[in-house]
Amino acid sequence: MNMSEFYSEYLFYRSEQAAQNTSLIYSIIESCKMNGLRPVKYIADVLRKLVSGDTDYMALLPMNIAK
């Protein structure tokens, strides 16, 4: 594989990964909105809980967070 082919595959992988990440972020935001949560506050709260060692992942979903 020459450098041109390698670079093309790398760019394709990176763009595919970026698209998946963007889709995930929009899903989280829309789930928050549907459940009456503020997305930025929800994400900050979930990250804080994960860092503190919370492992009940189902309880961290937007639909399971108390408003």
PDB file of N, CA and C in Angstrom:
ATOM      1  N   MET A   1       0.860  -1.173   0.000  1.00  0.00           N
ATOM      2  CA  MET A   1       0.000   0.000   0.000  1.00  0.00           C
ATOM      3  C   MET A   1       0.908   1.238   0.000  1.00  0.00           C
ATOM      4  N   ASN A   2       0.652   2.129  -0.942  1.00  0.00           N
ATOM      5  CA  ASN A   2       1.459   3.351  -0.971  1.00  0.00           C
ATOM      6  C   ASN A   2       0.843   4.410  -0.046  1.00  0.00           C
ATOM      7  N   MET A   3       1.532   5.501   0.138  1.00  0.00           N
ATOM      8  CA  MET A   3       1.080   6.547   1.070  1.00  0.00           C
ATOM      9  C   MET A   3      -0.262   7.145   0.666  1.00  0.00           C
ATOM     10  N   SER A   4      -0.499   7.268  -0.627  1.00  0.00           N
ATOM     11  CA  SER A   4      -1.757   7.837  -1.101  1.00  0.00           C
ATOM     12  C   SER A   4      -2.939   6.947  -0.703  1.00  0.00           C
ATOM     13  N   GLU A   5      -2.785   5.635  -0.894  1.00  0.00           N
ATOM     14  CA  GLU A   5      -3.851   4.706  -0.502  1.00  0.00           C
ATOM     15  C   GLU A   5      -4.050   4.707   1.006  1.00  0.00           C
ATOM     16  N   PHE A   6      -2.952   4.722   1.731  1.00  0.00           N
ATOM     17  CA  PHE A   6      -3.028   4.750   3.189  1.00  0.00           C
ATOM     18  C   PHE A   6      -3.764   5.996   3.661  1.00  0.00           C
ATOM     19  N   TYR A   7      -3.415   7.146   3.106  1.00  0.00           N
ATOM     20  CA  TYR A   7      -4.032   8.406   3.496  1.00  0.00           C
ATOM     21  C   TYR A   7      -5.520   8.408   3.162  1.00  0.00           C
ATOM     22  N   SER A   8      -5.889   7.870   2.003  1.00  0.00           N
ATOM     23  CA  SER A   8      -7.299   7.812   1.607  1.00  0.00           C
ATOM     24  C   SER A   8      -8.100   6.942   2.573  1.00  0.00           C
ATOM     25  N   GLU A   9      -7.538   5.781   2.937  1.00  0.00           N
ATOM     26  CA  GLU A   9      -8.228   4.910   3.892  1.00  0.00           C
ATOM     27  C   GLU A   9      -8.328   5.570   5.260  1.00  0.00           C
ATOM     28  N   TYR A  10      -7.276   6.261   5.660  1.00  0.00           N
ATOM     29  CA  TYR A  10      -7.278   6.953   6.950  1.00  0.00           C
ATOM     30  C   TYR A  10      -8.365   8.020   6.978  1.00  0.00           C
ATOM     31  N   LEU A  11      -8.447   8.817   5.915  1.00  0.00           N
ATOM     32  CA  LEU A  11      -9.465   9.868   5.856  1.00  0.00           C
ATOM     33  C   LEU A  11     -10.868   9.277   5.855  1.00  0.00           C
ATOM     34  N   PHE A  12     -11.069   8.171   5.138  1.00  0.00           N
ATOM     35  CA  PHE A  12     -12.380   7.534   5.117  1.00  0.00           C
ATOM     36  C   PHE A  12     -12.748   7.052   6.514  1.00  0.00           C
ATOM     37  N   TYR A  13     -11.810   6.398   7.189  1.00  0.00           N
ATOM     38  CA  TYR A  13     -12.073   5.908   8.538  1.00  0.00           C
ATOM     39  C   TYR A  13     -12.388   7.068   9.467  1.00  0.00           C
ATOM     40  N   ARG A  14     -11.612   8.131   9.405  1.00  0.00           N
ATOM     41  CA  ARG A  14     -11.827   9.276  10.284  1.00  0.00           C
ATOM     42  C   ARG A  14     -13.172   9.926  10.005  1.00  0.00           C
ATOM     43  N   SER A  15     -13.568  10.052   8.752  1.00  0.00           N
ATOM     44  CA  SER A  15     -14.854  10.673   8.443  1.00  0.00           C
ATOM     45  C   SER A  15     -16.002   9.768   8.889  1.00  0.00           C
ATOM     46  N   GLU A  16     -15.831   8.457   8.753  1.00  0.00           N
ATOM     47  CA  GLU A  16     -16.851   7.514   9.202  1.00  0.00           C
ATOM     48  C   GLU A  16     -16.992   7.588  10.729  1.00  0.00           C
ATOM     49  N   GLN A  17     -15.878   7.644  11.423  1.00  0.00           N
ATOM     50  CA  GLN A  17     -15.886   7.737  12.880  1.00  0.00           C
ATOM     51  C   GLN A  17     -16.516   9.062  13.327  1.00  0.00           C
ATOM     52  N   ALA A  18     -16.205  10.140  12.648  1.00  0.00           N
ATOM     53  CA  ALA A  18     -16.768  11.445  12.987  1.00  0.00           C
ATOM     54  C   ALA A  18     -18.282  11.447  12.787  1.00  0.00           C
ATOM     55  N   ALA A  19     -18.740  10.806  11.725  1.00  0.00           N
ATOM     56  CA  ALA A  19     -20.183  10.727  11.468  1.00  0.00           C
ATOM     57  C   ALA A  19     -20.888   9.935  12.570  1.00  0.00           C
ATOM     58  N   GLN A  20     -20.275   8.852  13.018  1.00  0.00           N
ATOM     59  CA  GLN A  20     -20.866   8.063  14.092  1.00  0.00           C
ATOM     60  C   GLN A  20     -20.912   8.862  15.395  1.00  0.00           C
ATOM     61  N   ASN A  21     -19.836   9.582  15.691  1.00  0.00           N
ATOM     62  CA  ASN A  21     -19.801  10.394  16.906  1.00  0.00           C
ATOM     63  C   ASN A  21     -20.862  11.489  16.862  1.00  0.00           C
ATOM     64  N   THR A  22     -21.005  12.134  15.718  1.00  0.00           N
ATOM     65  CA  THR A  22     -22.004  13.194  15.568  1.00  0.00           C
ATOM     66  C   THR A  22     -23.405  12.627  15.744  1.00  0.00           C
ATOM     67  N   SER A  23     -23.649  11.478  15.183  1.00  0.00           N
ATOM     68  CA  SER A  23     -24.957  10.844  15.316  1.00  0.00           C
ATOM     69  C   SER A  23     -25.251  10.515  16.777  1.00  0.00           C
ATOM     70  N   LEU A  24     -24.254  10.034  17.495  1.00  0.00           N
ATOM     71  CA  LEU A  24     -24.420   9.714  18.913  1.00  0.00           C
ATOM     72  C   LEU A  24     -24.749  10.962  19.725  1.00  0.00           C
ATOM     73  N   ILE A  25     -24.051  12.043  19.453  1.00  0.00           N
ATOM     74  CA  ILE A  25     -24.287  13.294  20.188  1.00  0.00           C
ATOM     75  C   ILE A  25     -25.704  13.801  19.933  1.00  0.00           C
ATOM     76  N   TYR A  26     -26.138  13.774  18.662  1.00  0.00           N
ATOM     77  CA  TYR A  26     -27.494  14.223  18.355  1.00  0.00           C
ATOM     78  C   TYR A  26     -28.537  13.325  19.007  1.00  0.00           C
ATOM     79  N   SER A  27     -28.267  12.022  19.090  1.00  0.00           N
ATOM     80  CA  SER A  27     -29.200  11.105  19.755  1.00  0.00           C
ATOM     81  C   SER A  27     -29.339  11.441  21.228  1.00  0.00           C
ATOM     82  N   ILE A  28     -28.230  11.721  21.873  1.00  0.00           N
ATOM     83  CA  ILE A  28     -28.269  12.092  23.295  1.00  0.00           C
ATOM     84  C   ILE A  28     -29.045  13.387  23.483  1.00  0.00           C
ATOM     85  N   ILE A  29     -28.768  14.364  22.650  1.00  0.00           N
ATOM     86  CA  ILE A  29     -29.454  15.657  22.756  1.00  0.00           C
ATOM     87  C   ILE A  29     -30.954  15.493  22.553  1.00  0.00           C
ATOM     88  N   GLU A  30     -31.351  14.761  21.529  1.00  0.00           N
ATOM     89  CA  GLU A  30     -32.777  14.575  21.260  1.00  0.00           C
ATOM     90  C   GLU A  30     -33.454  13.763  22.366  1.00  0.00           C
ATOM     91  N   SER A  31     -32.763  12.764  22.911  1.00  0.00           N
ATOM     92  CA  SER A  31     -33.329  11.991  24.025  1.00  0.00           C
ATOM     93  C   SER A  31     -33.554  12.881  25.239  1.00  0.00           C
ATOM     94  N   CYS A  32     -32.611  13.782  25.486  1.00  0.00           N
ATOM     95  CA  CYS A  32     -32.768  14.721  26.601  1.00  0.00           C
ATOM     96  C   CYS A  32     -33.985  15.608  26.380  1.00  0.00           C
ATOM     97  N   LYS A  33     -34.109  16.152  25.188  1.00  0.00           N
ATOM     98  CA  LYS A  33     -35.237  17.032  24.887  1.00  0.00           C
ATOM     99  C   LYS A  33     -36.571  16.300  25.050  1.00  0.00           C
ATOM    100  N   MET A  34     -36.637  15.052  24.575  1.00  0.00           N
ATOM    101  CA  MET A  34     -37.885  14.283  24.679  1.00  0.00           C
ATOM    102  C   MET A  34     -38.250  14.004  26.129  1.00  0.00           C
ATOM    103  N   ASN A  35     -37.238  13.959  27.000  1.00  0.00           N
ATOM    104  CA  ASN A  35     -37.490  13.665  28.405  1.00  0.00           C
ATOM    105  C   ASN A  35     -37.463  14.908  29.288  1.00  0.00           C
ATOM    106  N   GLY A  36     -37.485  16.086  28.654  1.00  0.00           N
ATOM    107  CA  GLY A  36     -37.561  17.336  29.392  1.00  0.00           C
ATOM    108  C   GLY A  36     -36.295  17.712  30.149  1.00  0.00           C
ATOM    109  N   LEU A  37     -35.149  17.239  29.674  1.00  0.00           N
ATOM    110  CA  LEU A  37     -33.880  17.552  30.333  1.00  0.00           C
ATOM    111  C   LEU A  37     -33.087  18.543  29.495  1.00  0.00           C
ATOM    112  N   ARG A  38     -32.276  19.333  30.166  1.00  0.00           N
ATOM    113  CA  ARG A  38     -31.356  20.222  29.456  1.00  0.00           C
ATOM    114  C   ARG A  38     -30.119  19.409  29.093  1.00  0.00           C
ATOM    115  N   PRO A  39     -29.802  19.277  27.792  1.00  0.00           N
ATOM    116  CA  PRO A  39     -28.721  18.392  27.354  1.00  0.00           C
ATOM    117  C   PRO A  39     -27.362  18.671  27.999  1.00  0.00           C
ATOM    118  N   VAL A  40     -26.956  19.918  28.089  1.00  0.00           N
ATOM    119  CA  VAL A  40     -25.641  20.233  28.656  1.00  0.00           C
ATOM    120  C   VAL A  40     -25.583  19.844  30.129  1.00  0.00           C
ATOM    121  N   LYS A  41     -26.642  20.143  30.858  1.00  0.00           N
ATOM    122  CA  LYS A  41     -26.689  19.786  32.279  1.00  0.00           C
ATOM    123  C   LYS A  41     -26.701  18.268  32.440  1.00  0.00           C
ATOM    124  N   TYR A  42     -27.465  17.577  31.601  1.00  0.00           N
ATOM    125  CA  TYR A  42     -27.528  16.118  31.665  1.00  0.00           C
ATOM    126  C   TYR A  42     -26.141  15.507  31.428  1.00  0.00           C
ATOM    127  N   ILE A  43     -25.464  15.937  30.372  1.00  0.00           N
ATOM    128  CA  ILE A  43     -24.142  15.388  30.050  1.00  0.00           C
ATOM    129  C   ILE A  43     -23.160  15.660  31.182  1.00  0.00           C
ATOM    130  N   ALA A  44     -23.185  16.867  31.730  1.00  0.00           N
ATOM    131  CA  ALA A  44     -22.292  17.195  32.852  1.00  0.00           C
ATOM    132  C   ALA A  44     -22.590  16.314  34.061  1.00  0.00           C
ATOM    133  N   ASP A  45     -23.866  16.111  34.359  1.00  0.00           N
ATOM    134  CA  ASP A  45     -24.248  15.264  35.498  1.00  0.00           C
ATOM    135  C   ASP A  45     -23.808  13.810  35.291  1.00  0.00           C
ATOM    136  N   VAL A  46     -24.015  13.289  34.091  1.00  0.00           N
ATOM    137  CA  VAL A  46     -23.627  11.902  33.808  1.00  0.00           C
ATOM    138  C   VAL A  46     -22.111  11.740  33.898  1.00  0.00           C
ATOM    139  N   LEU A  47     -21.369  12.678  33.332  1.00  0.00           N
ATOM    140  CA  LEU A  47     -19.907  12.592  33.414  1.00  0.00           C
ATOM    141  C   LEU A  47     -19.435  12.656  34.865  1.00  0.00           C
ATOM    142  N   ARG A  48     -20.054  13.528  35.652  1.00  0.00           N
ATOM    143  CA  ARG A  48     -19.698  13.642  37.073  1.00  0.00           C
ATOM    144  C   ARG A  48     -19.954  12.314  37.793  1.00  0.00           C
ATOM    145  N   LYS A  49     -21.097  11.686  37.513  1.00  0.00           N
ATOM    146  CA  LYS A  49     -21.425  10.414  38.157  1.00  0.00           C
ATOM    147  C   LYS A  49     -20.477   9.296  37.715  1.00  0.00           C
ATOM    148  N   LEU A  50     -20.133   9.267  36.432  1.00  0.00           N
ATOM    149  CA  LEU A  50     -19.215   8.242  35.946  1.00  0.00           C
ATOM    150  C   LEU A  50     -17.829   8.383  36.568  1.00  0.00           C
ATOM    151  N   VAL A  51     -17.365   9.616  36.679  1.00  0.00           N
ATOM    152  CA  VAL A  51     -16.050   9.854  37.282  1.00  0.00           C
ATOM    153  C   VAL A  51     -16.043   9.455  38.748  1.00  0.00           C
ATOM    154  N   SER A  52     -17.174   9.649  39.422  1.00  0.00           N
ATOM    155  CA  SER A  52     -17.239   9.306  40.846  1.00  0.00           C
ATOM    156  C   SER A  52     -17.438   7.805  41.075  1.00  0.00           C
ATOM    157  N   GLY A  53     -17.576   7.018  39.981  1.00  0.00           N
ATOM    158  CA  GLY A  53     -17.629   5.571  40.112  1.00  0.00           C
ATOM    159  C   GLY A  53     -18.998   4.939  39.966  1.00  0.00           C
ATOM    160  N   ASP A  54     -19.992   5.692  39.562  1.00  0.00           N
ATOM    161  CA  ASP A  54     -21.331   5.127  39.375  1.00  0.00           C
ATOM    162  C   ASP A  54     -21.293   4.102  38.239  1.00  0.00           C
ATOM    163  N   THR A  55     -21.788   2.903  38.479  1.00  0.00           N
ATOM    164  CA  THR A  55     -21.778   1.862  37.446  1.00  0.00           C
ATOM    165  C   THR A  55     -23.186   1.391  37.080  1.00  0.00           C
ATOM    166  N   ASP A  56     -24.216   2.045  37.593  1.00  0.00           N
ATOM    167  CA  ASP A  56     -25.588   1.702  37.212  1.00  0.00           C
ATOM    168  C   ASP A  56     -25.926   2.481  35.937  1.00  0.00           C
ATOM    169  N   TYR A  57     -25.474   1.936  34.800  1.00  0.00           N
ATOM    170  CA  TYR A  57     -25.573   2.659  33.536  1.00  0.00           C
ATOM    171  C   TYR A  57     -27.019   2.859  33.079  1.00  0.00           C
ATOM    172  N   MET A  58     -27.884   1.935  33.382  1.00  0.00           N
ATOM    173  CA  MET A  58     -29.292   2.083  32.991  1.00  0.00           C
ATOM    174  C   MET A  58     -29.923   3.283  33.699  1.00  0.00           C
ATOM    175  N   ALA A  59     -29.521   3.540  34.928  1.00  0.00           N
ATOM    176  CA  ALA A  59     -30.062   4.677  35.675  1.00  0.00           C
ATOM    177  C   ALA A  59     -29.574   6.000  35.112  1.00  0.00           C
ATOM    178  N   LEU A  60     -28.509   5.979  34.315  1.00  0.00           N
ATOM    179  CA  LEU A  60     -27.954   7.208  33.760  1.00  0.00           C
ATOM    180  C   LEU A  60     -28.577   7.611  32.421  1.00  0.00           C
ATOM    181  N   LEU A  61     -29.431   6.752  31.870  1.00  0.00           N
ATOM    182  CA  LEU A  61     -30.080   7.100  30.602  1.00  0.00           C
ATOM    183  C   LEU A  61     -31.058   8.247  30.805  1.00  0.00           C
ATOM    184  N   PRO A  62     -31.222   9.097  29.789  1.00  0.00           N
ATOM    185  CA  PRO A  62     -32.125  10.249  29.926  1.00  0.00           C
ATOM    186  C   PRO A  62     -33.528   9.883  30.394  1.00  0.00           C
ATOM    187  N   MET A  63     -34.041   8.755  29.933  1.00  0.00           N
ATOM    188  CA  MET A  63     -35.406   8.368  30.300  1.00  0.00           C
ATOM    189  C   MET A  63     -35.526   7.968  31.774  1.00  0.00           C
ATOM    190  N   ASN A  64     -34.398   7.699  32.423  1.00  0.00           N
ATOM    191  CA  ASN A  64     -34.428   7.243  33.822  1.00  0.00           C
ATOM    192  C   ASN A  64     -33.966   8.313  34.813  1.00  0.00           C
ATOM    193  N   ILE A  65     -33.622   9.482  34.309  1.00  0.00           N
ATOM    194  CA  ILE A  65     -33.174  10.567  35.181  1.00  0.00           C
ATOM    195  C   ILE A  65     -34.398  11.327  35.688  1.00  0.00           C
ATOM    196  N   ALA A  66     -34.460  11.549  36.990  1.00  0.00           N
ATOM    197  CA  ALA A  66     -35.557  12.337  37.561  1.00  0.00           C
ATOM    198  C   ALA A  66     -35.392  13.794  37.162  1.00  0.00           C
ATOM    199  N   LYS A  67     -36.484  14.409  36.789  1.00  0.00           N
ATOM    200  CA  LYS A  67     -36.436  15.821  36.357  1.00  0.00           C
ATOM    201  C   LYS A  67     -36.359  16.737  37.545  1.00  0.00           C
TER     202      LYS A  67
END
